[in-house]
Amino acid sequence: MFNLMHLGSGIKIDRIVRNDTGNRHVEFARRKPIEIAGVCTRIVSREDLMLAKLVWARDARSQLPMRDVRALLDEPLDRALMGEWAPKRGVGQMLEEIRQ
């Protein structure tokens, strides 16, 4: 993983190299195409971002990613995907706690 930072605007982009753990193949297949300042790229889906942040929160024992996940809970959300992958990634209970 590495970051790109635009100093003028303060925008930070995390670049992640896909590995073969967890749902990474599914995650990369679900990326969404976008255009930023004339540059075409792909971004992770909201669901996959939430799952990654939950794993980070679990492993780092940090509240920062938990706050981010709460902010991302707005609809629309692929609840079937979340229900399938959260337990597989070991964060199903954390997701349920945040939803309440």
C-alpha atoms as a PDB file:
ATOM      1  CA  MET A   1       0.000   0.000   0.000  1.00  0.00           C
ATOM      2  CA  PHE A   2       1.127   3.556  -0.662  1.00  0.00           C
ATOM      3  CA  ASN A   3      -0.479   6.989  -0.622  1.00  0.00           C
ATOM      4  CA  LEU A   4      -0.742   9.805  -3.125  1.00  0.00           C
ATOM      5  CA  MET A   5      -1.246  13.275  -1.673  1.00  0.00           C
ATOM      6  CA  HIS A   6      -2.286  16.458  -3.454  1.00  0.00           C
ATOM      7  CA  LEU A   7      -0.785  19.122  -1.241  1.00  0.00           C
ATOM      8  CA  GLY A   8      -2.847  21.976  -2.669  1.00  0.00           C
ATOM      9  CA  SER A   9      -6.198  20.392  -1.829  1.00  0.00           C
ATOM     10  CA  GLY A  10      -5.249  17.994   0.958  1.00  0.00           C
ATOM     11  CA  ILE A  11      -6.761  15.056  -0.930  1.00  0.00           C
ATOM     12  CA  LYS A  12      -5.123  11.738  -0.049  1.00  0.00           C
ATOM     13  CA  ILE A  13      -5.529   8.577  -2.110  1.00  0.00           C
ATOM     14  CA  ASP A  14      -4.564   5.178  -0.729  1.00  0.00           C
ATOM     15  CA  ARG A  15      -3.228   2.840  -3.403  1.00  0.00           C
ATOM     16  CA  ILE A  16      -3.435  -0.848  -2.514  1.00  0.00           C
ATOM     17  CA  VAL A  17      -1.720  -3.692  -4.346  1.00  0.00           C
ATOM     18  CA  ARG A  18      -4.040  -6.696  -4.427  1.00  0.00           C
ATOM     19  CA  ASN A  19      -2.970  -9.784  -2.514  1.00  0.00           C
ATOM     20  CA  ASP A  20      -4.616 -13.214  -2.345  1.00  0.00           C
ATOM     21  CA  THR A  21      -6.054 -13.026   1.176  1.00  0.00           C
ATOM     22  CA  GLY A  22      -9.682 -12.788   2.241  1.00  0.00           C
ATOM     23  CA  ASN A  23     -12.029 -11.392  -0.353  1.00  0.00           C
ATOM     24  CA  ARG A  24      -9.422  -9.382  -2.288  1.00  0.00           C
ATOM     25  CA  HIS A  25     -10.353 -10.906  -5.670  1.00  0.00           C
ATOM     26  CA  VAL A  26     -14.018 -10.095  -5.069  1.00  0.00           C
ATOM     27  CA  GLU A  27     -13.100  -6.657  -3.732  1.00  0.00           C
ATOM     28  CA  PHE A  28     -11.026  -5.744  -6.776  1.00  0.00           C
ATOM     29  CA  ALA A  29     -13.700  -7.052  -9.162  1.00  0.00           C
ATOM     30  CA  ARG A  30     -16.264  -4.741  -7.486  1.00  0.00           C
ATOM     31  CA  ARG A  31     -14.241  -1.534  -7.873  1.00  0.00           C
ATOM     32  CA  LYS A  32     -16.148   1.407  -9.339  1.00  0.00           C
ATOM     33  CA  PRO A  33     -14.786   3.446 -12.277  1.00  0.00           C
ATOM     34  CA  ILE A  34     -14.558   7.197 -11.645  1.00  0.00           C
ATOM     35  CA  GLU A  35     -12.887  10.221 -13.205  1.00  0.00           C
ATOM     36  CA  ILE A  36     -10.976  12.719 -11.071  1.00  0.00           C
ATOM     37  CA  ALA A  37      -9.580  15.845 -12.724  1.00  0.00           C
ATOM     38  CA  GLY A  38      -9.620  14.131 -16.114  1.00  0.00           C
ATOM     39  CA  VAL A  39      -7.926  10.961 -14.853  1.00  0.00           C
ATOM     40  CA  CYS A  40      -9.847   7.691 -15.037  1.00  0.00           C
ATOM     41  CA  THR A  41      -9.318   5.299 -12.137  1.00  0.00           C
ATOM     42  CA  ARG A  42     -11.241   2.840 -10.001  1.00  0.00           C
ATOM     43  CA  ILE A  43     -12.227   3.054  -6.349  1.00  0.00           C
ATOM     44  CA  VAL A  44     -13.223   0.415  -3.854  1.00  0.00           C
ATOM     45  CA  SER A  45     -16.925  -0.118  -3.156  1.00  0.00           C
ATOM     46  CA  ARG A  46     -18.382   1.286   0.049  1.00  0.00           C
ATOM     47  CA  GLU A  47     -18.991  -2.240   1.377  1.00  0.00           C
ATOM     48  CA  ASP A  48     -15.424  -3.368   0.762  1.00  0.00           C
ATOM     49  CA  LEU A  49     -14.058  -0.177   2.295  1.00  0.00           C
ATOM     50  CA  MET A  50     -16.170  -0.811   5.388  1.00  0.00           C
ATOM     51  CA  LEU A  51     -14.923  -4.391   5.665  1.00  0.00           C
ATOM     52  CA  ALA A  52     -11.297  -3.272   5.330  1.00  0.00           C
ATOM     53  CA  LYS A  53     -11.791  -0.602   7.994  1.00  0.00           C
ATOM     54  CA  LEU A  54     -13.400  -3.121  10.361  1.00  0.00           C
ATOM     55  CA  VAL A  55     -10.420  -5.460   9.928  1.00  0.00           C
ATOM     56  CA  TRP A  56      -8.086  -2.511  10.569  1.00  0.00           C
ATOM     57  CA  ALA A  57     -10.045  -1.556  13.699  1.00  0.00           C
ATOM     58  CA  ARG A  58      -9.910  -5.139  14.961  1.00  0.00           C
ATOM     59  CA  ASP A  59      -6.197  -5.562  14.318  1.00  0.00           C
ATOM     60  CA  ALA A  60      -5.089  -2.089  15.441  1.00  0.00           C
ATOM     61  CA  ARG A  61      -7.629  -1.800  18.278  1.00  0.00           C
ATOM     62  CA  SER A  62      -8.391   1.685  17.029  1.00  0.00           C
ATOM     63  CA  GLN A  63     -11.639   3.648  17.191  1.00  0.00           C
ATOM     64  CA  LEU A  64     -10.787   5.821  14.159  1.00  0.00           C
ATOM     65  CA  PRO A  65     -11.833   3.247  11.526  1.00  0.00           C
ATOM     66  CA  MET A  66     -14.942   2.431  13.586  1.00  0.00           C
ATOM     67  CA  ARG A  67     -15.999   6.079  13.309  1.00  0.00           C
ATOM     68  CA  ASP A  68     -15.440   5.899   9.559  1.00  0.00           C
ATOM     69  CA  VAL A  69     -17.597   2.763   9.261  1.00  0.00           C
ATOM     70  CA  ARG A  70     -20.441   4.416  11.179  1.00  0.00           C
ATOM     71  CA  ALA A  71     -20.315   7.315   8.711  1.00  0.00           C
ATOM     72  CA  LEU A  72     -20.473   4.874   5.768  1.00  0.00           C
ATOM     73  CA  LEU A  73     -23.575   2.996   6.979  1.00  0.00           C
ATOM     74  CA  ASP A  74     -25.949   5.170   4.926  1.00  0.00           C
ATOM     75  CA  GLU A  75     -28.017   3.472   2.243  1.00  0.00           C
ATOM     76  CA  PRO A  76     -27.660   2.091  -0.353  1.00  0.00           C
ATOM     77  CA  LEU A  77     -25.608  -0.780   1.021  1.00  0.00           C
ATOM     78  CA  ASP A  78     -25.232  -4.330  -0.297  1.00  0.00           C
ATOM     79  CA  ARG A  79     -26.310  -6.030   2.919  1.00  0.00           C
ATOM     80  CA  ALA A  80     -26.003  -9.517   1.395  1.00  0.00           C
ATOM     81  CA  LEU A  81     -22.329  -8.915   0.598  1.00  0.00           C
ATOM     82  CA  MET A  82     -21.712  -7.486   4.069  1.00  0.00           C
ATOM     83  CA  GLY A  83     -23.542 -10.409   5.676  1.00  0.00           C
ATOM     84  CA  GLU A  84     -21.442 -12.896   3.731  1.00  0.00           C
ATOM     85  CA  TRP A  85     -17.994 -11.328   4.047  1.00  0.00           C
ATOM     86  CA  ALA A  86     -17.999  -9.729   7.503  1.00  0.00           C
ATOM     87  CA  PRO A  87     -18.045 -13.120   9.292  1.00  0.00           C
ATOM     88  CA  LYS A  88     -15.517 -14.561   6.816  1.00  0.00           C
ATOM     89  CA  ARG A  89     -13.146 -11.687   7.632  1.00  0.00           C
ATOM     90  CA  GLY A  90     -13.753 -12.086  11.353  1.00  0.00           C
ATOM     91  CA  VAL A  91     -15.629  -8.814  11.848  1.00  0.00           C
ATOM     92  CA  GLY A  92     -19.268  -9.928  11.803  1.00  0.00           C
ATOM     93  CA  GLN A  93     -19.837  -9.144  15.480  1.00  0.00           C
ATOM     94  CA  MET A  94     -18.193  -5.733  15.117  1.00  0.00           C
ATOM     95  CA  LEU A  95     -20.496  -4.898  12.192  1.00  0.00           C
ATOM     96  CA  GLU A  96     -23.571  -5.913  14.185  1.00  0.00           C
ATOM     97  CA  GLU A  97     -22.480  -3.744  17.121  1.00  0.00           C
ATOM     98  CA  ILE A  98     -22.025  -0.711  14.878  1.00  0.00           C
ATOM     99  CA  ARG A  99     -25.437  -1.219  13.252  1.00  0.00           C
ATOM    100  CA  GLN A 100     -27.189  -0.934  16.627  1.00  0.00           C
END
